[in-house]
Amino acid sequence: TKDIPVANFIMHEIHCSRNIEVCRFCSECIPKSEMKNHVESEHGQVTCKCRMKIEKGLLKDHEASACPLRPVLCQFCDIQLAFNKLQDHEIYCGARTERCGGCGRNVMVKDLKEHPLVCG
């Protein structure tokens, strides 16, 4: 917003009321000529691959941090899988064993980081 001289304030107010509208969804001030496009591009409903209906403007954030089908990496094998499959995969993957080169014992993958503290 700009400071408006008192003499121009009434003209400015008339101009704004004729040309600017407040979006009923996000309360942003949008030129009236662009309101239809704004509502369609930002607030139109789309369906994510997880079948959730969401506003177009919120889809990127949903896909990056909330979608159960977003891709994530297993902490043990770095394979990429859907977030909703991660817990079951990591339980199985972390329970695999690898032979320790130091003590020769089979150690579960999930315990490999702490194993050097108790090895040998």
PDB file of N, CA and C in Angstrom:
ATOM      1  N   THR A   1       0.838  -1.182   0.000  1.00  0.00           N
ATOM      2  CA  THR A   1       0.000   0.000   0.000  1.00  0.00           C
ATOM      3  C   THR A   1       0.880   1.241   0.000  1.00  0.00           C
ATOM      4  N   LYS A   2       0.375   2.278  -0.649  1.00  0.00           N
ATOM      5  CA  LYS A   2       1.109   3.548  -0.725  1.00  0.00           C
ATOM      6  C   LYS A   2       0.405   4.590   0.133  1.00  0.00           C
ATOM      7  N   ASP A   3       1.196   5.586   0.574  1.00  0.00           N
ATOM      8  CA  ASP A   3       0.578   6.737   1.237  1.00  0.00           C
ATOM      9  C   ASP A   3      -0.100   7.569   0.167  1.00  0.00           C
ATOM     10  N   ILE A   4      -1.334   7.968   0.434  1.00  0.00           N
ATOM     11  CA  ILE A   4      -2.107   8.726  -0.538  1.00  0.00           C
ATOM     12  C   ILE A   4      -2.404  10.098   0.051  1.00  0.00           C
ATOM     13  N   PRO A   5      -2.060  11.164  -0.702  1.00  0.00           N
ATOM     14  CA  PRO A   5      -2.380  12.509  -0.217  1.00  0.00           C
ATOM     15  C   PRO A   5      -3.892  12.635   0.010  1.00  0.00           C
ATOM     16  N   VAL A   6      -4.264  13.376   1.043  1.00  0.00           N
ATOM     17  CA  VAL A   6      -5.672  13.535   1.400  1.00  0.00           C
ATOM     18  C   VAL A   6      -6.505  13.991   0.204  1.00  0.00           C
ATOM     19  N   ALA A   7      -5.954  14.870  -0.604  1.00  0.00           N
ATOM     20  CA  ALA A   7      -6.700  15.398  -1.754  1.00  0.00           C
ATOM     21  C   ALA A   7      -7.046  14.301  -2.758  1.00  0.00           C
ATOM     22  N   ASN A   8      -6.209  13.299  -2.847  1.00  0.00           N
ATOM     23  CA  ASN A   8      -6.446  12.232  -3.825  1.00  0.00           C
ATOM     24  C   ASN A   8      -7.158  11.014  -3.227  1.00  0.00           C
ATOM     25  N   PHE A   9      -7.391  11.032  -1.929  1.00  0.00           N
ATOM     26  CA  PHE A   9      -7.905   9.835  -1.267  1.00  0.00           C
ATOM     27  C   PHE A   9      -9.270   9.408  -1.798  1.00  0.00           C
ATOM     28  N   ILE A  10     -10.171  10.340  -1.953  1.00  0.00           N
ATOM     29  CA  ILE A  10     -11.516   9.989  -2.426  1.00  0.00           C
ATOM     30  C   ILE A  10     -11.446   9.389  -3.827  1.00  0.00           C
ATOM     31  N   MET A  11     -10.622   9.980  -4.698  1.00  0.00           N
ATOM     32  CA  MET A  11     -10.467   9.447  -6.062  1.00  0.00           C
ATOM     33  C   MET A  11      -9.862   8.035  -6.006  1.00  0.00           C
ATOM     34  N   HIS A  12      -8.896   7.868  -5.132  1.00  0.00           N
ATOM     35  CA  HIS A  12      -8.269   6.557  -4.988  1.00  0.00           C
ATOM     36  C   HIS A  12      -9.282   5.521  -4.500  1.00  0.00           C
ATOM     37  N   GLU A  13     -10.076   5.892  -3.518  1.00  0.00           N
ATOM     38  CA  GLU A  13     -11.087   4.994  -2.964  1.00  0.00           C
ATOM     39  C   GLU A  13     -12.099   4.580  -4.034  1.00  0.00           C
ATOM     40  N   ILE A  14     -12.521   5.526  -4.852  1.00  0.00           N
ATOM     41  CA  ILE A  14     -13.469   5.231  -5.943  1.00  0.00           C
ATOM     42  C   ILE A  14     -12.820   4.273  -6.946  1.00  0.00           C
ATOM     43  N   HIS A  15     -11.575   4.563  -7.305  1.00  0.00           N
ATOM     44  CA  HIS A  15     -10.847   3.713  -8.246  1.00  0.00           C
ATOM     45  C   HIS A  15     -10.749   2.276  -7.712  1.00  0.00           C
ATOM     46  N   CYS A  16     -10.351   2.126  -6.443  1.00  0.00           N
ATOM     47  CA  CYS A  16     -10.202   0.794  -5.844  1.00  0.00           C
ATOM     48  C   CYS A  16     -11.532   0.046  -5.806  1.00  0.00           C
ATOM     49  N   SER A  17     -12.590   0.715  -5.380  1.00  0.00           N
ATOM     50  CA  SER A  17     -13.880   0.032  -5.252  1.00  0.00           C
ATOM     51  C   SER A  17     -14.404  -0.420  -6.615  1.00  0.00           C
ATOM     52  N   ARG A  18     -14.015   0.281  -7.685  1.00  0.00           N
ATOM     53  CA  ARG A  18     -14.451  -0.103  -9.024  1.00  0.00           C
ATOM     54  C   ARG A  18     -13.579  -1.209  -9.627  1.00  0.00           C
ATOM     55  N   ASN A  19     -12.318  -1.243  -9.258  1.00  0.00           N
ATOM     56  CA  ASN A  19     -11.373  -2.117  -9.956  1.00  0.00           C
ATOM     57  C   ASN A  19     -10.798  -3.272  -9.140  1.00  0.00           C
ATOM     58  N   ILE A  20     -10.914  -3.193  -7.828  1.00  0.00           N
ATOM     59  CA  ILE A  20     -10.297  -4.206  -6.980  1.00  0.00           C
ATOM     60  C   ILE A  20     -11.373  -4.960  -6.192  1.00  0.00           C
ATOM     61  N   GLU A  21     -11.142  -6.264  -6.033  1.00  0.00           N
ATOM     62  CA  GLU A  21     -12.093  -7.096  -5.305  1.00  0.00           C
ATOM     63  C   GLU A  21     -11.300  -7.977  -4.330  1.00  0.00           C
ATOM     64  N   VAL A  22     -11.899  -8.287  -3.206  1.00  0.00           N
ATOM     65  CA  VAL A  22     -11.256  -9.172  -2.232  1.00  0.00           C
ATOM     66  C   VAL A  22     -11.726 -10.595  -2.516  1.00  0.00           C
ATOM     67  N   CYS A  23     -10.775 -11.491  -2.712  1.00  0.00           N
ATOM     68  CA  CYS A  23     -11.100 -12.896  -2.995  1.00  0.00           C
ATOM     69  C   CYS A  23     -11.807 -13.507  -1.793  1.00  0.00           C
ATOM     70  N   ARG A  24     -12.931 -14.151  -2.030  1.00  0.00           N
ATOM     71  CA  ARG A  24     -13.720 -14.739  -0.938  1.00  0.00           C
ATOM     72  C   ARG A  24     -13.062 -15.989  -0.354  1.00  0.00           C
ATOM     73  N   PHE A  25     -12.058 -16.530  -1.033  1.00  0.00           N
ATOM     74  CA  PHE A  25     -11.381 -17.733  -0.537  1.00  0.00           C
ATOM     75  C   PHE A  25     -10.120 -17.418   0.260  1.00  0.00           C
ATOM     76  N   CYS A  26      -9.313 -16.458  -0.252  1.00  0.00           N
ATOM     77  CA  CYS A  26      -8.015 -16.214   0.389  1.00  0.00           C
ATOM     78  C   CYS A  26      -7.845 -14.781   0.889  1.00  0.00           C
ATOM     79  N   SER A  27      -8.840 -13.928   0.686  1.00  0.00           N
ATOM     80  CA  SER A  27      -8.829 -12.532   1.132  1.00  0.00           C
ATOM     81  C   SER A  27      -7.754 -11.666   0.478  1.00  0.00           C
ATOM     82  N   GLU A  28      -7.191 -12.125  -0.639  1.00  0.00           N
ATOM     83  CA  GLU A  28      -6.236 -11.291  -1.377  1.00  0.00           C
ATOM     84  C   GLU A  28      -6.999 -10.270  -2.190  1.00  0.00           C
ATOM     85  N   CYS A  29      -6.387  -9.098  -2.387  1.00  0.00           N
ATOM     86  CA  CYS A  29      -6.976  -8.080  -3.250  1.00  0.00           C
ATOM     87  C   CYS A  29      -6.563  -8.385  -4.689  1.00  0.00           C
ATOM     88  N   ILE A  30      -7.563  -8.577  -5.542  1.00  0.00           N
ATOM     89  CA  ILE A  30      -7.326  -8.981  -6.928  1.00  0.00           C
ATOM     90  C   ILE A  30      -8.065  -8.007  -7.845  1.00  0.00           C
ATOM     91  N   PRO A  31      -7.425  -7.586  -8.950  1.00  0.00           N
ATOM     92  CA  PRO A  31      -8.171  -6.775  -9.921  1.00  0.00           C
ATOM     93  C   PRO A  31      -9.419  -7.546 -10.379  1.00  0.00           C
ATOM     94  N   LYS A  32     -10.545  -6.844 -10.454  1.00  0.00           N
ATOM     95  CA  LYS A  32     -11.803  -7.500 -10.825  1.00  0.00           C
ATOM     96  C   LYS A  32     -11.681  -8.240 -12.155  1.00  0.00           C
ATOM     97  N   SER A  33     -10.919  -7.684 -13.085  1.00  0.00           N
ATOM     98  CA  SER A  33     -10.766  -8.313 -14.400  1.00  0.00           C
ATOM     99  C   SER A  33     -10.028  -9.650 -14.323  1.00  0.00           C
ATOM    100  N   GLU A  34      -9.286  -9.876 -13.236  1.00  0.00           N
ATOM    101  CA  GLU A  34      -8.515 -11.113 -13.096  1.00  0.00           C
ATOM    102  C   GLU A  34      -9.113 -12.082 -12.079  1.00  0.00           C
ATOM    103  N   MET A  35     -10.223 -11.708 -11.457  1.00  0.00           N
ATOM    104  CA  MET A  35     -10.781 -12.522 -10.382  1.00  0.00           C
ATOM    105  C   MET A  35     -11.188 -13.920 -10.847  1.00  0.00           C
ATOM    106  N   LYS A  36     -11.869 -14.018 -11.979  1.00  0.00           N
ATOM    107  CA  LYS A  36     -12.314 -15.335 -12.469  1.00  0.00           C
ATOM    108  C   LYS A  36     -11.107 -16.244 -12.678  1.00  0.00           C
ATOM    109  N   ASN A  37     -10.075 -15.722 -13.321  1.00  0.00           N
ATOM    110  CA  ASN A  37      -8.859 -16.495 -13.578  1.00  0.00           C
ATOM    111  C   ASN A  37      -8.170 -16.877 -12.261  1.00  0.00           C
ATOM    112  N   HIS A  38      -8.129 -15.939 -11.310  1.00  0.00           N
ATOM    113  CA  HIS A  38      -7.522 -16.196 -10.000  1.00  0.00           C
ATOM    114  C   HIS A  38      -8.238 -17.350  -9.296  1.00  0.00           C
ATOM    115  N   VAL A  39      -9.557 -17.302  -9.257  1.00  0.00           N
ATOM    116  CA  VAL A  39     -10.335 -18.338  -8.562  1.00  0.00           C
ATOM    117  C   VAL A  39     -10.127 -19.698  -9.231  1.00  0.00           C
ATOM    118  N   GLU A  40     -10.131 -19.726 -10.556  1.00  0.00           N
ATOM    119  CA  GLU A  40      -9.944 -20.995 -11.271  1.00  0.00           C
ATOM    120  C   GLU A  40      -8.544 -21.556 -11.066  1.00  0.00           C
ATOM    121  N   SER A  41      -7.518 -20.695 -11.161  1.00  0.00           N
ATOM    122  CA  SER A  41      -6.145 -21.198 -11.090  1.00  0.00           C
ATOM    123  C   SER A  41      -5.672 -21.491  -9.677  1.00  0.00           C
ATOM    124  N   GLU A  42      -6.183 -20.777  -8.684  1.00  0.00           N
ATOM    125  CA  GLU A  42      -5.726 -20.979  -7.306  1.00  0.00           C
ATOM    126  C   GLU A  42      -6.678 -21.810  -6.447  1.00  0.00           C
ATOM    127  N   HIS A  43      -7.967 -21.653  -6.676  1.00  0.00           N
ATOM    128  CA  HIS A  43      -8.939 -22.259  -5.772  1.00  0.00           C
ATOM    129  C   HIS A  43      -9.795 -23.344  -6.407  1.00  0.00           C
ATOM    130  N   GLY A  44      -9.594 -23.594  -7.695  1.00  0.00           N
ATOM    131  CA  GLY A  44     -10.324 -24.681  -8.342  1.00  0.00           C
ATOM    132  C   GLY A  44      -9.926 -26.012  -7.724  1.00  0.00           C
ATOM    133  N   GLN A  45     -10.856 -26.926  -7.630  1.00  0.00           N
ATOM    134  CA  GLN A  45     -10.592 -28.232  -7.026  1.00  0.00           C
ATOM    135  C   GLN A  45      -9.942 -29.171  -8.036  1.00  0.00           C
ATOM    136  N   VAL A  46      -8.897 -29.859  -7.601  1.00  0.00           N
ATOM    137  CA  VAL A  46      -8.267 -30.900  -8.394  1.00  0.00           C
ATOM    138  C   VAL A  46      -8.186 -32.147  -7.524  1.00  0.00           C
ATOM    139  N   THR A  47      -7.946 -33.275  -8.165  1.00  0.00           N
ATOM    140  CA  THR A  47      -7.816 -34.526  -7.420  1.00  0.00           C
ATOM    141  C   THR A  47      -6.367 -34.972  -7.486  1.00  0.00           C
ATOM    142  N   CYS A  48      -5.772 -35.166  -6.325  1.00  0.00           N
ATOM    143  CA  CYS A  48      -4.395 -35.661  -6.232  1.00  0.00           C
ATOM    144  C   CYS A  48      -4.378 -37.137  -6.615  1.00  0.00           C
ATOM    145  N   LYS A  49      -3.188 -37.660  -6.923  1.00  0.00           N
ATOM    146  CA  LYS A  49      -3.070 -39.092  -7.241  1.00  0.00           C
ATOM    147  C   LYS A  49      -3.513 -39.977  -6.076  1.00  0.00           C
ATOM    148  N   CYS A  50      -3.544 -39.409  -4.847  1.00  0.00           N
ATOM    149  CA  CYS A  50      -4.019 -40.180  -3.687  1.00  0.00           C
ATOM    150  C   CYS A  50      -5.540 -40.095  -3.556  1.00  0.00           C
ATOM    151  N   ARG A  51      -6.183 -39.460  -4.513  1.00  0.00           N
ATOM    152  CA  ARG A  51      -7.648 -39.304  -4.596  1.00  0.00           C
ATOM    153  C   ARG A  51      -8.225 -38.244  -3.667  1.00  0.00           C
ATOM    154  N   MET A  52      -7.363 -37.477  -3.024  1.00  0.00           N
ATOM    155  CA  MET A  52      -7.851 -36.391  -2.180  1.00  0.00           C
ATOM    156  C   MET A  52      -8.162 -35.187  -3.054  1.00  0.00           C
ATOM    157  N   LYS A  53      -9.303 -34.557  -2.812  1.00  0.00           N
ATOM    158  CA  LYS A  53      -9.646 -33.327  -3.529  1.00  0.00           C
ATOM    159  C   LYS A  53      -9.020 -32.161  -2.785  1.00  0.00           C
ATOM    160  N   ILE A  54      -8.395 -31.251  -3.541  1.00  0.00           N
ATOM    161  CA  ILE A  54      -7.649 -30.156  -2.928  1.00  0.00           C
ATOM    162  C   ILE A  54      -7.620 -28.968  -3.881  1.00  0.00           C
ATOM    163  N   GLU A  55      -7.463 -27.763  -3.321  1.00  0.00           N
ATOM    164  CA  GLU A  55      -7.347 -26.570  -4.166  1.00  0.00           C
ATOM    165  C   GLU A  55      -6.060 -26.640  -4.965  1.00  0.00           C
ATOM    166  N   LYS A  56      -6.122 -26.170  -6.221  1.00  0.00           N
ATOM    167  CA  LYS A  56      -4.934 -26.171  -7.081  1.00  0.00           C
ATOM    168  C   LYS A  56      -3.743 -25.500  -6.411  1.00  0.00           C
ATOM    169  N   GLY A  57      -3.985 -24.381  -5.757  1.00  0.00           N
ATOM    170  CA  GLY A  57      -2.912 -23.614  -5.142  1.00  0.00           C
ATOM    171  C   GLY A  57      -2.234 -24.330  -3.972  1.00  0.00           C
ATOM    172  N   LEU A  58      -2.881 -25.351  -3.423  1.00  0.00           N
ATOM    173  CA  LEU A  58      -2.322 -26.090  -2.283  1.00  0.00           C
ATOM    174  C   LEU A  58      -1.730 -27.441  -2.690  1.00  0.00           C
ATOM    175  N   LEU A  59      -1.891 -27.809  -3.964  1.00  0.00           N
ATOM    176  CA  LEU A  59      -1.494 -29.142  -4.412  1.00  0.00           C
ATOM    177  C   LEU A  59       0.004 -29.395  -4.265  1.00  0.00           C
ATOM    178  N   LYS A  60       0.844 -28.425  -4.652  1.00  0.00           N
ATOM    179  CA  LYS A  60       2.301 -28.638  -4.573  1.00  0.00           C
ATOM    180  C   LYS A  60       2.755 -28.945  -3.153  1.00  0.00           C
ATOM    181  N   ASP A  61       2.266 -28.167  -2.173  1.00  0.00           N
ATOM    182  CA  ASP A  61       2.636 -28.404  -0.782  1.00  0.00           C
ATOM    183  C   ASP A  61       2.126 -29.773  -0.310  1.00  0.00           C
ATOM    184  N   HIS A  62       0.914 -30.125  -0.713  1.00  0.00           N
ATOM    185  CA  HIS A  62       0.344 -31.423  -0.345  1.00  0.00           C
ATOM    186  C   HIS A  62       1.211 -32.549  -0.904  1.00  0.00           C
ATOM    187  N   GLU A  63       1.566 -32.448  -2.183  1.00  0.00           N
ATOM    188  CA  GLU A  63       2.372 -33.501  -2.809  1.00  0.00           C
ATOM    189  C   GLU A  63       3.755 -33.616  -2.176  1.00  0.00           C
ATOM    190  N   ALA A  64       4.298 -32.499  -1.691  1.00  0.00           N
ATOM    191  CA  ALA A  64       5.648 -32.505  -1.122  1.00  0.00           C
ATOM    192  C   ALA A  64       5.689 -32.975   0.323  1.00  0.00           C
ATOM    193  N   SER A  65       4.632 -32.700   1.113  1.00  0.00           N
ATOM    194  CA  SER A  65       4.767 -32.981   2.546  1.00  0.00           C
ATOM    195  C   SER A  65       3.607 -33.736   3.195  1.00  0.00           C
ATOM    196  N   ALA A  66       2.489 -33.896   2.528  1.00  0.00           N
ATOM    197  CA  ALA A  66       1.343 -34.529   3.188  1.00  0.00           C
ATOM    198  C   ALA A  66       0.771 -35.731   2.443  1.00  0.00           C
ATOM    199  N   CYS A  67       1.015 -35.823   1.157  1.00  0.00           N
ATOM    200  CA  CYS A  67       0.417 -36.902   0.359  1.00  0.00           C
ATOM    201  C   CYS A  67       0.954 -38.260   0.805  1.00  0.00           C
ATOM    202  N   PRO A  68       0.069 -39.218   1.072  1.00  0.00           N
ATOM    203  CA  PRO A  68       0.548 -40.544   1.476  1.00  0.00           C
ATOM    204  C   PRO A  68       1.292 -41.271   0.358  1.00  0.00           C
ATOM    205  N   LEU A  69       1.172 -40.793  -0.882  1.00  0.00           N
ATOM    206  CA  LEU A  69       1.861 -41.422  -2.009  1.00  0.00           C
ATOM    207  C   LEU A  69       3.140 -40.687  -2.409  1.00  0.00           C
ATOM    208  N   ARG A  70       3.536 -39.663  -1.623  1.00  0.00           N
ATOM    209  CA  ARG A  70       4.748 -38.913  -1.969  1.00  0.00           C
ATOM    210  C   ARG A  70       5.966 -39.835  -1.896  1.00  0.00           C
ATOM    211  N   PRO A  71       6.934 -39.645  -2.779  1.00  0.00           N
ATOM    212  CA  PRO A  71       8.109 -40.518  -2.763  1.00  0.00           C
ATOM    213  C   PRO A  71       9.049 -40.185  -1.606  1.00  0.00           C
ATOM    214  N   VAL A  72       9.539 -41.226  -0.939  1.00  0.00           N
ATOM    215  CA  VAL A  72      10.500 -41.085   0.156  1.00  0.00           C
ATOM    216  C   VAL A  72      11.554 -42.182   0.006  1.00  0.00           C
ATOM    217  N   LEU A  73      12.685 -42.000   0.686  1.00  0.00           N
ATOM    218  CA  LEU A  73      13.761 -42.982   0.626  1.00  0.00           C
ATOM    219  C   LEU A  73      13.830 -43.788   1.910  1.00  0.00           C
ATOM    220  N   CYS A  74      14.060 -45.090   1.774  1.00  0.00           N
ATOM    221  CA  CYS A  74      14.285 -45.958   2.932  1.00  0.00           C
ATOM    222  C   CYS A  74      15.619 -45.557   3.557  1.00  0.00           C
ATOM    223  N   GLN A  75      15.636 -45.423   4.883  1.00  0.00           N
ATOM    224  CA  GLN A  75      16.864 -45.015   5.578  1.00  0.00           C
ATOM    225  C   GLN A  75      17.937 -46.097   5.546  1.00  0.00           C
ATOM    226  N   PHE A  76      17.557 -47.345   5.232  1.00  0.00           N
ATOM    227  CA  PHE A  76      18.518 -48.440   5.258  1.00  0.00           C
ATOM    228  C   PHE A  76      19.070 -48.806   3.884  1.00  0.00           C
ATOM    229  N   CYS A  77      18.224 -48.760   2.845  1.00  0.00           N
ATOM    230  CA  CYS A  77      18.696 -49.199   1.524  1.00  0.00           C
ATOM    231  C   CYS A  77      18.578 -48.127   0.447  1.00  0.00           C
ATOM    232  N   ASP A  78      18.055 -46.951   0.789  1.00  0.00           N
ATOM    233  CA  ASP A  78      17.911 -45.823  -0.137  1.00  0.00           C
ATOM    234  C   ASP A  78      17.001 -46.102  -1.333  1.00  0.00           C
ATOM    235  N   ILE A  79      16.191 -47.150  -1.266  1.00  0.00           N
ATOM    236  CA  ILE A  79      15.211 -47.376  -2.320  1.00  0.00           C
ATOM    237  C   ILE A  79      14.098 -46.349  -2.153  1.00  0.00           C
ATOM    238  N   GLN A  80      13.551 -45.878  -3.269  1.00  0.00           N
ATOM    239  CA  GLN A  80      12.455 -44.905  -3.215  1.00  0.00           C
ATOM    240  C   GLN A  80      11.130 -45.639  -3.250  1.00  0.00           C
ATOM    241  N   LEU A  81      10.222 -45.260  -2.351  1.00  0.00           N
ATOM    242  CA  LEU A  81       8.898 -45.853  -2.313  1.00  0.00           C
ATOM    243  C   LEU A  81       7.899 -44.837  -1.799  1.00  0.00           C
ATOM    244  N   ALA A  82       6.613 -45.175  -1.874  1.00  0.00           N
ATOM    245  CA  ALA A  82       5.561 -44.275  -1.403  1.00  0.00           C
ATOM    246  C   ALA A  82       5.590 -44.190   0.118  1.00  0.00           C
ATOM    247  N   PHE A  83       5.333 -42.993   0.646  1.00  0.00           N
ATOM    248  CA  PHE A  83       5.357 -42.762   2.093  1.00  0.00           C
ATOM    249  C   PHE A  83       4.500 -43.767   2.864  1.00  0.00           C
ATOM    250  N   ASN A  84       3.331 -44.105   2.325  1.00  0.00           N
ATOM    251  CA  ASN A  84       2.443 -45.023   3.053  1.00  0.00           C
ATOM    252  C   ASN A  84       2.958 -46.464   3.067  1.00  0.00           C
ATOM    253  N   LYS A  85       4.013 -46.764   2.336  1.00  0.00           N
ATOM    254  CA  LYS A  85       4.629 -48.098   2.347  1.00  0.00           C
ATOM    255  C   LYS A  85       5.927 -48.107   3.157  1.00  0.00           C
ATOM    256  N   LEU A  86       6.386 -46.921   3.564  1.00  0.00           N
ATOM    257  CA  LEU A  86       7.701 -46.798   4.193  1.00  0.00           C
ATOM    258  C   LEU A  86       7.828 -47.585   5.500  1.00  0.00           C
ATOM    259  N   GLN A  87       6.867 -47.454   6.408  1.00  0.00           N
ATOM    260  CA  GLN A  87       7.000 -48.080   7.723  1.00  0.00           C
ATOM    261  C   GLN A  87       7.140 -49.600   7.599  1.00  0.00           C
ATOM    262  N   ASP A  88       6.254 -50.240   6.838  1.00  0.00           N
ATOM    263  CA  ASP A  88       6.336 -51.694   6.676  1.00  0.00           C
ATOM    264  C   ASP A  88       7.652 -52.097   6.023  1.00  0.00           C
ATOM    265  N   HIS A  89       8.071 -51.327   5.004  1.00  0.00           N
ATOM    266  CA  HIS A  89       9.327 -51.642   4.323  1.00  0.00           C
ATOM    267  C   HIS A  89      10.517 -51.525   5.280  1.00  0.00           C
ATOM    268  N   GLU A  90      10.569 -50.449   6.063  1.00  0.00           N
ATOM    269  CA  GLU A  90      11.716 -50.244   6.952  1.00  0.00           C
ATOM    270  C   GLU A  90      11.762 -51.278   8.079  1.00  0.00           C
ATOM    271  N   ILE A  91      10.623 -51.762   8.536  1.00  0.00           N
ATOM    272  CA  ILE A  91      10.615 -52.828   9.540  1.00  0.00           C
ATOM    273  C   ILE A  91      11.282 -54.077   8.955  1.00  0.00           C
ATOM    274  N   TYR A  92      10.877 -54.422   7.734  1.00  0.00           N
ATOM    275  CA  TYR A  92      11.454 -55.590   7.064  1.00  0.00           C
ATOM    276  C   TYR A  92      12.921 -55.351   6.711  1.00  0.00           C
ATOM    277  N   CYS A  93      13.192 -54.202   6.103  1.00  0.00           N
ATOM    278  CA  CYS A  93      14.530 -53.885   5.610  1.00  0.00           C
ATOM    279  C   CYS A  93      15.534 -53.767   6.763  1.00  0.00           C
ATOM    280  N   GLY A  94      15.147 -53.157   7.851  1.00  0.00           N
ATOM    281  CA  GLY A  94      16.034 -52.988   8.996  1.00  0.00           C
ATOM    282  C   GLY A  94      16.317 -54.283   9.732  1.00  0.00           C
ATOM    283  N   ALA A  95      15.454 -55.289   9.525  1.00  0.00           N
ATOM    284  CA  ALA A  95      15.643 -56.576  10.195  1.00  0.00           C
ATOM    285  C   ALA A  95      16.572 -57.511   9.418  1.00  0.00           C
ATOM    286  N   ARG A  96      16.936 -57.122   8.188  1.00  0.00           N
ATOM    287  CA  ARG A  96      17.921 -57.927   7.448  1.00  0.00           C
ATOM    288  C   ARG A  96      19.239 -57.907   8.217  1.00  0.00           C
ATOM    289  N   THR A  97      20.071 -58.886   7.987  1.00  0.00           N
ATOM    290  CA  THR A  97      21.357 -58.905   8.683  1.00  0.00           C
ATOM    291  C   THR A  97      22.518 -58.797   7.699  1.00  0.00           C
ATOM    292  N   GLU A  98      23.603 -58.236   8.200  1.00  0.00           N
ATOM    293  CA  GLU A  98      24.860 -58.172   7.449  1.00  0.00           C
ATOM    294  C   GLU A  98      25.969 -58.613   8.395  1.00  0.00           C
ATOM    295  N   ARG A  99      26.960 -59.308   7.850  1.00  0.00           N
ATOM    296  CA  ARG A  99      28.072 -59.785   8.665  1.00  0.00           C
ATOM    297  C   ARG A  99      29.022 -58.624   8.940  1.00  0.00           C
ATOM    298  N   CYS A 100      29.373 -58.458  10.212  1.00  0.00           N
ATOM    299  CA  CYS A 100      30.318 -57.417  10.619  1.00  0.00           C
ATOM    300  C   CYS A 100      31.730 -57.878  10.262  1.00  0.00           C
ATOM    301  N   GLY A 101      32.488 -57.024   9.588  1.00  0.00           N
ATOM    302  CA  GLY A 101      33.863 -57.351   9.221  1.00  0.00           C
ATOM    303  C   GLY A 101      34.793 -57.422  10.425  1.00  0.00           C
ATOM    304  N   GLY A 102      34.401 -56.776  11.515  1.00  0.00           N
ATOM    305  CA  GLY A 102      35.251 -56.753  12.701  1.00  0.00           C
ATOM    306  C   GLY A 102      35.103 -57.980  13.578  1.00  0.00           C
ATOM    307  N   CYS A 103      33.855 -58.311  13.955  1.00  0.00           N
ATOM    308  CA  CYS A 103      33.643 -59.407  14.905  1.00  0.00           C
ATOM    309  C   CYS A 103      33.072 -60.655  14.257  1.00  0.00           C
ATOM    310  N   GLY A 104      32.653 -60.552  13.003  1.00  0.00           N
ATOM    311  CA  GLY A 104      32.122 -61.713  12.288  1.00  0.00           C
ATOM    312  C   GLY A 104      30.678 -62.059  12.619  1.00  0.00           C
ATOM    313  N   ARG A 105      30.046 -61.311  13.543  1.00  0.00           N
ATOM    314  CA  ARG A 105      28.652 -61.577  13.898  1.00  0.00           C
ATOM    315  C   ARG A 105      27.716 -61.028  12.834  1.00  0.00           C
ATOM    316  N   ASN A 106      26.538 -61.652  12.705  1.00  0.00           N
ATOM    317  CA  ASN A 106      25.486 -61.120  11.856  1.00  0.00           C
ATOM    318  C   ASN A 106      24.752 -60.046  12.657  1.00  0.00           C
ATOM    319  N   VAL A 107      24.665 -58.846  12.099  1.00  0.00           N
ATOM    320  CA  VAL A 107      24.068 -57.703  12.787  1.00  0.00           C
ATOM    321  C   VAL A 107      22.896 -57.193  11.952  1.00  0.00           C
ATOM    322  N   MET A 108      21.780 -56.910  12.633  1.00  0.00           N
ATOM    323  CA  MET A 108      20.636 -56.347  11.902  1.00  0.00           C
ATOM    324  C   MET A 108      21.016 -54.978  11.336  1.00  0.00           C
ATOM    325  N   VAL A 109      20.552 -54.707  10.122  1.00  0.00           N
ATOM    326  CA  VAL A 109      20.865 -53.456   9.436  1.00  0.00           C
ATOM    327  C   VAL A 109      20.478 -52.253  10.292  1.00  0.00           C
ATOM    328  N   LYS A 110      19.345 -52.338  10.997  1.00  0.00           N
ATOM    329  CA  LYS A 110      18.910 -51.205  11.823  1.00  0.00           C
ATOM    330  C   LYS A 110      19.862 -50.938  12.988  1.00  0.00           C
ATOM    331  N   ASP A 111      20.702 -51.918  13.344  1.00  0.00           N
ATOM    332  CA  ASP A 111      21.636 -51.755  14.457  1.00  0.00           C
ATOM    333  C   ASP A 111      23.073 -51.468  14.005  1.00  0.00           C
ATOM    334  N   LEU A 112      23.293 -51.376  12.689  1.00  0.00           N
ATOM    335  CA  LEU A 112      24.648 -51.208  12.190  1.00  0.00           C
ATOM    336  C   LEU A 112      25.322 -49.919  12.647  1.00  0.00           C
ATOM    337  N   LYS A 113      24.558 -48.857  12.793  1.00  0.00           N
ATOM    338  CA  LYS A 113      25.158 -47.571  13.202  1.00  0.00           C
ATOM    339  C   LYS A 113      25.707 -47.635  14.623  1.00  0.00           C
ATOM    340  N   GLU A 114      24.988 -48.331  15.520  1.00  0.00           N
ATOM    341  CA  GLU A 114      25.420 -48.439  16.911  1.00  0.00           C
ATOM    342  C   GLU A 114      26.367 -49.607  17.148  1.00  0.00           C
ATOM    343  N   HIS A 115      26.441 -50.530  16.197  1.00  0.00           N
ATOM    344  CA  HIS A 115      27.243 -51.750  16.403  1.00  0.00           C
ATOM    345  C   HIS A 115      28.716 -51.465  16.712  1.00  0.00           C
ATOM    346  N   PRO A 116      29.381 -50.506  16.068  1.00  0.00           N
ATOM    347  CA  PRO A 116      30.798 -50.287  16.400  1.00  0.00           C
ATOM    348  C   PRO A 116      31.043 -50.008  17.890  1.00  0.00           C
ATOM    349  N   LEU A 117      30.052 -49.503  18.609  1.00  0.00           N
ATOM    350  CA  LEU A 117      30.223 -49.224  20.038  1.00  0.00           C
ATOM    351  C   LEU A 117      30.331 -50.497  20.870  1.00  0.00           C
ATOM    352  N   VAL A 118      29.740 -51.596  20.369  1.00  0.00           N
ATOM    353  CA  VAL A 118      29.764 -52.858  21.127  1.00  0.00           C
ATOM    354  C   VAL A 118      30.564 -53.943  20.429  1.00  0.00           C
ATOM    355  N   CYS A 119      31.131 -53.643  19.273  1.00  0.00           N
ATOM    356  CA  CYS A 119      31.833 -54.635  18.458  1.00  0.00           C
ATOM    357  C   CYS A 119      33.159 -55.042  19.097  1.00  0.00           C
ATOM    358  N   GLY A 120      33.411 -56.346  19.051  1.00  0.00           N
ATOM    359  CA  GLY A 120      34.700 -56.907  19.427  1.00  0.00           C
ATOM    360  C   GLY A 120      35.083 -56.669  20.856  1.00  0.00           C
TER     361      GLY A 120
END
